[in-house]
Amino acid sequence: MNSYCAVLDLFWFRSKLKQTEMECEYLKRWFGSLTEQNHRLHREVEELRAMNVGPPTVTSASSLTMCPRCERVTTAASPSLAIPSQKTLPPQES
């Protein structure tokens, strides 16, 4: 009986060791891919910083025009890119 239990214990330990080794290899590959991705992202951040991109430009209100017919706000430079504005109704007289 003792030899049977010893064989089962040895089988269980070997199976557990094999599973642990496989998990270790998987985690090593995963760590490698994450490290590679991290390096790539760091390079992208450095490239973006090197471009020295300033804050986005804001269009001043004086360069916006409103079409009286369709009531769309457009910039003076690009009338085809119309941005719909909210219609305001004039106050009704009682």
Protein backbone atom coordinates (compact mmCIF):
# COMPACT_ATOMS: atom_id res chain seq x y z
CA MET A 1 0.00 0.00 0.00
CA ASN A 2 2.82 2.42 0.85
CA SER A 3 4.53 1.88 -2.49
CA TYR A 4 1.23 2.57 -4.31
CA CYS A 5 0.79 5.86 -2.40
CA ALA A 6 4.40 6.79 -3.13
CA VAL A 7 3.84 6.16 -6.86
CA LEU A 8 0.68 8.29 -6.82
CA ASP A 9 2.47 11.07 -4.93
CA LEU A 10 5.36 10.96 -7.38
CA PHE A 11 2.94 11.05 -10.34
CA TRP A 12 1.08 14.00 -8.79
CA PHE A 13 4.30 15.91 -8.08
CA ARG A 14 5.60 15.33 -11.61
CA SER A 15 2.29 16.43 -13.11
CA LYS A 16 2.24 19.53 -10.93
CA LEU A 17 5.88 20.30 -11.81
CA LYS A 18 5.15 19.94 -15.54
CA GLN A 19 2.12 22.24 -15.24
CA THR A 20 4.18 24.80 -13.31
CA GLU A 21 6.95 24.67 -15.93
CA MET A 22 4.43 25.21 -18.73
CA GLU A 23 2.88 28.16 -16.88
CA CYS A 24 6.34 29.61 -16.29
CA GLU A 25 7.17 29.40 -20.02
CA TYR A 26 3.84 31.00 -20.90
CA LEU A 27 4.45 33.84 -18.45
CA LYS A 28 7.99 34.35 -19.82
CA ARG A 29 6.62 34.70 -23.37
CA TRP A 30 3.85 37.03 -22.16
CA PHE A 31 6.38 39.14 -20.23
CA GLY A 32 8.53 39.35 -23.36
CA SER A 33 5.64 40.53 -25.51
CA LEU A 34 4.59 43.09 -22.88
CA THR A 35 8.17 44.36 -22.65
CA GLU A 36 8.32 44.72 -26.43
CA GLN A 37 4.98 46.54 -26.48
CA ASN A 38 6.15 48.81 -23.65
CA HIS A 39 9.31 49.73 -25.60
CA ARG A 40 7.23 50.45 -28.70
CA LEU A 41 4.87 52.69 -26.74
CA HIS A 42 7.80 54.54 -25.18
CA ARG A 43 9.22 55.18 -28.66
CA GLU A 44 5.84 56.49 -29.84
CA VAL A 45 5.61 58.83 -26.85
CA GLU A 46 9.12 60.12 -27.52
CA GLU A 47 8.26 60.69 -31.20
CA LEU A 48 5.13 62.62 -30.22
CA ARG A 49 7.09 64.71 -27.74
CA ALA A 50 9.71 65.39 -30.42
CA MET A 51 7.01 66.70 -32.74
CA ASN A 52 6.33 69.38 -30.11
CA VAL A 53 2.67 69.57 -30.97
CA GLY A 54 1.07 72.65 -29.44
CA PRO A 55 -2.44 72.93 -28.11
CA PRO A 56 -5.22 72.80 -30.69
CA THR A 57 -6.09 76.09 -32.29
CA VAL A 58 -9.44 77.55 -31.36
CA THR A 59 -11.44 79.46 -33.93
CA SER A 60 -12.36 82.89 -32.70
CA ALA A 61 -15.98 83.94 -32.74
CA SER A 62 -15.25 86.76 -35.19
CA SER A 63 -14.29 84.28 -37.92
CA LEU A 64 -17.58 82.38 -37.63
CA THR A 65 -20.54 83.31 -39.79
CA MET A 66 -24.13 82.15 -39.64
CA CYS A 67 -26.16 81.47 -42.72
CA PRO A 68 -29.48 83.31 -42.21
CA ARG A 69 -31.35 80.83 -44.39
CA CYS A 70 -30.28 77.48 -42.95
CA GLU A 71 -28.98 78.84 -39.63
CA ARG A 72 -25.71 76.91 -39.78
CA VAL A 73 -22.49 78.22 -38.32
CA THR A 74 -19.55 78.12 -40.72
CA THR A 75 -16.00 79.35 -40.66
CA ALA A 76 -14.95 81.88 -43.23
CA ALA A 77 -12.34 79.48 -44.62
CA SER A 78 -14.51 76.39 -45.04
CA PRO A 79 -18.19 77.04 -45.68
CA SER A 80 -18.71 73.42 -46.78
CA LEU A 81 -18.01 72.18 -43.24
CA ALA A 82 -21.11 73.62 -41.71
CA ILE A 83 -21.84 72.98 -38.06
CA PRO A 84 -25.54 73.08 -37.20
CA SER A 85 -26.41 75.58 -34.51
CA GLN A 86 -29.37 75.46 -32.22
CA LYS A 87 -32.27 77.47 -33.52
CA THR A 88 -33.51 80.21 -31.29
CA LEU A 89 -37.05 81.39 -31.69
CA PRO A 90 -37.83 85.07 -31.27
CA PRO A 91 -39.98 85.86 -28.23
CA GLN A 92 -43.67 85.85 -29.05
CA GLU A 93 -45.70 88.89 -28.29
CA SER A 94 -48.84 88.38 -26.19
